């Protein structure tokens, strides 16, 4: 009986490792076409009408999401946690009016900063093809990391720490 349990645990660990490798390979492949230039945006205009100036000396995470994206519903709480400690801007793409976005945020208890990309300006500028997509820039606004699809809170924290 012990041998069977050990075998199942070993197979489970191998499965988790293989899935992790596969998901990272898929994310890497999907990120090949992203715009990875230095971030040259100093101000974002948030959906609530306020201006947000990008800090000059901190890394920044930019998160592209949509209210209709099922994976974003799972990923957004991870971004919410990070937004409490790091500079985070989120960009809602094809997500409706200010009221629709606010209802979504309220429904999911999200308070992060949101840009409503109604005309697709940022979507095109960064060459986003898949949601969610997360981009991380260092304190000098040089591109450091991207994640296309879901990533864990721990993975995001690690990438932000490595971007300082």
Protein backbone atom coordinates (compact mmCIF):
# COMPACT_ATOMS: atom_id res chain seq x y z
CA UNK A 1 0.00 0.00 0.00
CA UNK A 2 2.82 2.44 0.87
CA UNK A 3 4.46 1.78 -2.49
CA UNK A 4 1.23 2.64 -4.31
CA UNK A 5 0.89 5.91 -2.41
CA UNK A 6 4.51 6.82 -3.15
CA UNK A 7 3.94 6.01 -6.82
CA UNK A 8 0.85 8.25 -6.99
CA UNK A 9 2.63 11.11 -5.21
CA UNK A 10 5.59 10.79 -7.58
CA UNK A 11 3.27 10.79 -10.62
CA UNK A 12 1.38 13.80 -9.23
CA UNK A 13 4.59 15.76 -8.75
CA UNK A 14 5.73 14.89 -12.28
CA UNK A 15 2.36 16.00 -13.65
CA UNK A 16 2.56 19.36 -11.83
CA UNK A 17 6.11 19.94 -13.08
CA UNK A 18 5.15 19.06 -16.66
CA UNK A 19 2.09 21.34 -16.55
CA UNK A 20 4.21 24.19 -15.17
CA UNK A 21 6.76 23.76 -17.95
CA UNK A 22 4.04 23.57 -20.60
CA UNK A 23 2.22 26.67 -19.30
CA UNK A 24 5.47 28.67 -19.21
CA UNK A 25 6.33 27.56 -22.74
CA UNK A 26 2.88 28.60 -23.99
CA UNK A 27 3.18 31.97 -22.23
CA UNK A 28 6.62 32.52 -23.74
CA UNK A 29 5.38 31.67 -27.23
CA UNK A 30 2.37 33.98 -26.89
CA UNK A 31 4.58 36.81 -25.66
CA UNK A 32 6.93 36.81 -28.65
CA UNK A 33 4.95 39.48 -30.53
CA UNK A 34 4.43 41.86 -27.60
CA UNK A 35 5.87 45.36 -27.79
CA UNK A 36 8.82 45.12 -25.41
CA UNK A 37 10.14 48.64 -25.89
CA UNK A 38 10.97 50.85 -22.96
CA UNK A 39 7.80 52.26 -21.34
CA UNK A 40 7.47 55.81 -22.62
CA UNK A 41 4.18 56.75 -20.97
CA UNK A 42 4.35 59.21 -18.06
CA UNK A 43 0.62 59.67 -17.43
CA UNK A 44 -2.38 57.37 -17.62
CA UNK A 45 -5.94 58.69 -17.64
CA UNK A 46 -8.04 56.48 -15.41
CA UNK A 47 -11.64 55.57 -16.19
CA UNK A 48 -12.89 57.66 -13.27
CA UNK A 49 -11.49 60.81 -14.94
CA UNK A 50 -8.36 61.18 -12.81
CA UNK A 51 -4.79 61.37 -14.06
CA UNK A 52 -2.18 58.95 -12.77
CA UNK A 53 1.49 59.89 -13.05
CA UNK A 54 3.86 56.93 -13.35
CA UNK A 55 6.47 56.94 -10.61
CA UNK A 56 9.98 57.69 -11.82
CA UNK A 57 11.78 55.36 -9.43
CA UNK A 58 9.63 52.24 -8.98
CA UNK A 59 8.94 49.18 -11.09
CA UNK A 60 5.47 49.06 -12.64
CA UNK A 61 3.13 46.26 -13.59
CA UNK A 62 0.67 46.82 -16.44
CA UNK A 63 -2.20 44.35 -16.56
CA UNK A 64 -4.42 43.99 -19.64
CA UNK A 65 -7.79 42.41 -18.90
CA UNK A 66 -11.43 42.42 -19.93
CA UNK A 67 -14.72 42.10 -18.06
CA UNK A 68 -15.76 39.27 -20.41
CA UNK A 69 -12.53 37.25 -19.90
CA UNK A 70 -13.02 34.16 -17.68
CA UNK A 71 -9.31 33.80 -16.83
CA UNK A 72 -9.19 37.48 -15.86
CA UNK A 73 -11.79 36.77 -13.16
CA UNK A 74 -9.29 34.36 -11.58
CA UNK A 75 -6.18 36.48 -12.26
CA UNK A 76 -7.53 39.86 -11.10
CA UNK A 77 -7.48 39.03 -7.36
CA UNK A 78 -3.73 38.30 -7.72
CA UNK A 79 -3.24 41.70 -9.34
CA UNK A 80 -5.37 43.29 -6.59
CA UNK A 81 -3.00 41.88 -3.93
CA UNK A 82 0.04 43.23 -5.77
CA UNK A 83 -1.55 46.66 -6.22
CA UNK A 84 -1.45 47.14 -2.44
CA UNK A 85 2.38 47.04 -2.44
CA UNK A 86 3.53 47.90 -5.96
CA UNK A 87 2.75 50.33 -8.72
CA UNK A 88 0.04 48.69 -10.83
CA UNK A 89 -1.97 50.05 -13.75
CA UNK A 90 -4.68 47.90 -15.25
CA UNK A 91 -6.11 48.40 -18.71
CA UNK A 92 -9.64 47.19 -19.39
CA UNK A 93 -9.99 46.37 -23.08
CA UNK A 94 -13.37 46.18 -24.82
CA UNK A 95 -15.08 46.18 -21.45
CA UNK A 96 -17.87 48.67 -21.90
CA UNK A 97 -18.72 51.96 -20.27
CA UNK A 98 -17.39 53.49 -17.09
CA UNK A 99 -20.48 52.20 -15.28
CA UNK A 100 -20.04 48.65 -16.58
CA UNK A 101 -16.41 48.58 -15.49
CA UNK A 102 -17.29 50.04 -12.07
CA UNK A 103 -20.02 47.40 -11.61
CA UNK A 104 -17.50 44.66 -12.48
CA UNK A 105 -14.96 46.07 -10.01
CA UNK A 106 -17.58 46.35 -7.26
CA UNK A 107 -18.89 42.84 -7.92
CA UNK A 108 -15.38 41.36 -7.64
CA UNK A 109 -14.11 43.62 -4.81
CA UNK A 110 -11.36 45.14 -6.97
CA UNK A 111 -9.90 48.57 -6.26
CA UNK A 112 -6.88 48.73 -8.55
CA UNK A 113 -6.29 51.64 -10.96
CA UNK A 114 -8.11 51.13 -14.27
CA UNK A 115 -7.74 52.70 -17.69
CA UNK A 116 -10.72 52.10 -19.99
CA UNK A 117 -9.14 51.37 -23.37
CA UNK A 118 -12.34 52.02 -25.31
CA UNK A 119 -10.62 52.89 -28.57
CA UNK A 120 -7.96 50.16 -28.34
CA UNK A 121 -5.02 52.60 -28.17
CA UNK A 122 -3.06 50.68 -25.50
CA UNK A 123 -4.20 47.31 -26.82
CA UNK A 124 -2.57 48.16 -30.17
CA UNK A 125 0.43 50.03 -28.74
CA UNK A 126 1.53 46.98 -26.74
CA UNK A 127 0.38 44.48 -29.41
CA UNK A 128 -1.84 42.53 -27.00
CA UNK A 129 -3.46 39.42 -28.46
CA UNK A 130 -4.50 37.35 -25.44
CA UNK A 131 -6.15 38.16 -22.10
CA UNK A 132 -4.98 38.47 -19.47
CA UNK A 133 -1.52 39.81 -20.33
CA UNK A 134 0.79 41.21 -17.69
CA UNK A 135 3.84 43.36 -18.45
CA UNK A 136 6.47 44.32 -15.88
CA UNK A 137 8.95 47.18 -16.21
CA UNK A 138 11.87 48.01 -13.92
CA UNK A 139 12.35 51.35 -12.13
CA UNK A 140 13.96 52.79 -15.27
CA UNK A 141 10.89 51.67 -17.30
CA UNK A 142 12.82 49.00 -19.21
CA UNK A 143 10.78 45.92 -20.11
CA UNK A 144 11.60 42.98 -17.80
CA UNK A 145 8.88 40.32 -17.85
CA UNK A 146 5.64 39.35 -19.51
CA UNK A 147 3.04 36.78 -18.65
CA UNK A 148 0.31 35.82 -21.06
CA UNK A 149 -2.50 34.00 -19.32
CA UNK A 150 -2.81 33.13 -15.66
CA UNK A 151 0.06 33.46 -13.21
CA UNK A 152 0.14 33.03 -9.45
CA UNK A 153 0.47 35.78 -6.88
CA UNK A 154 3.82 34.30 -5.83
CA UNK A 155 5.01 34.39 -9.45
CA UNK A 156 4.00 38.04 -9.77
CA UNK A 157 5.68 39.01 -6.49
CA UNK A 158 8.87 37.25 -7.58
CA UNK A 159 8.92 39.05 -10.92
CA UNK A 160 8.33 42.42 -9.23
CA UNK A 161 11.15 41.78 -6.76
CA UNK A 162 13.48 40.89 -9.62
CA UNK A 163 12.52 44.13 -11.39
CA UNK A 164 13.71 46.55 -8.71
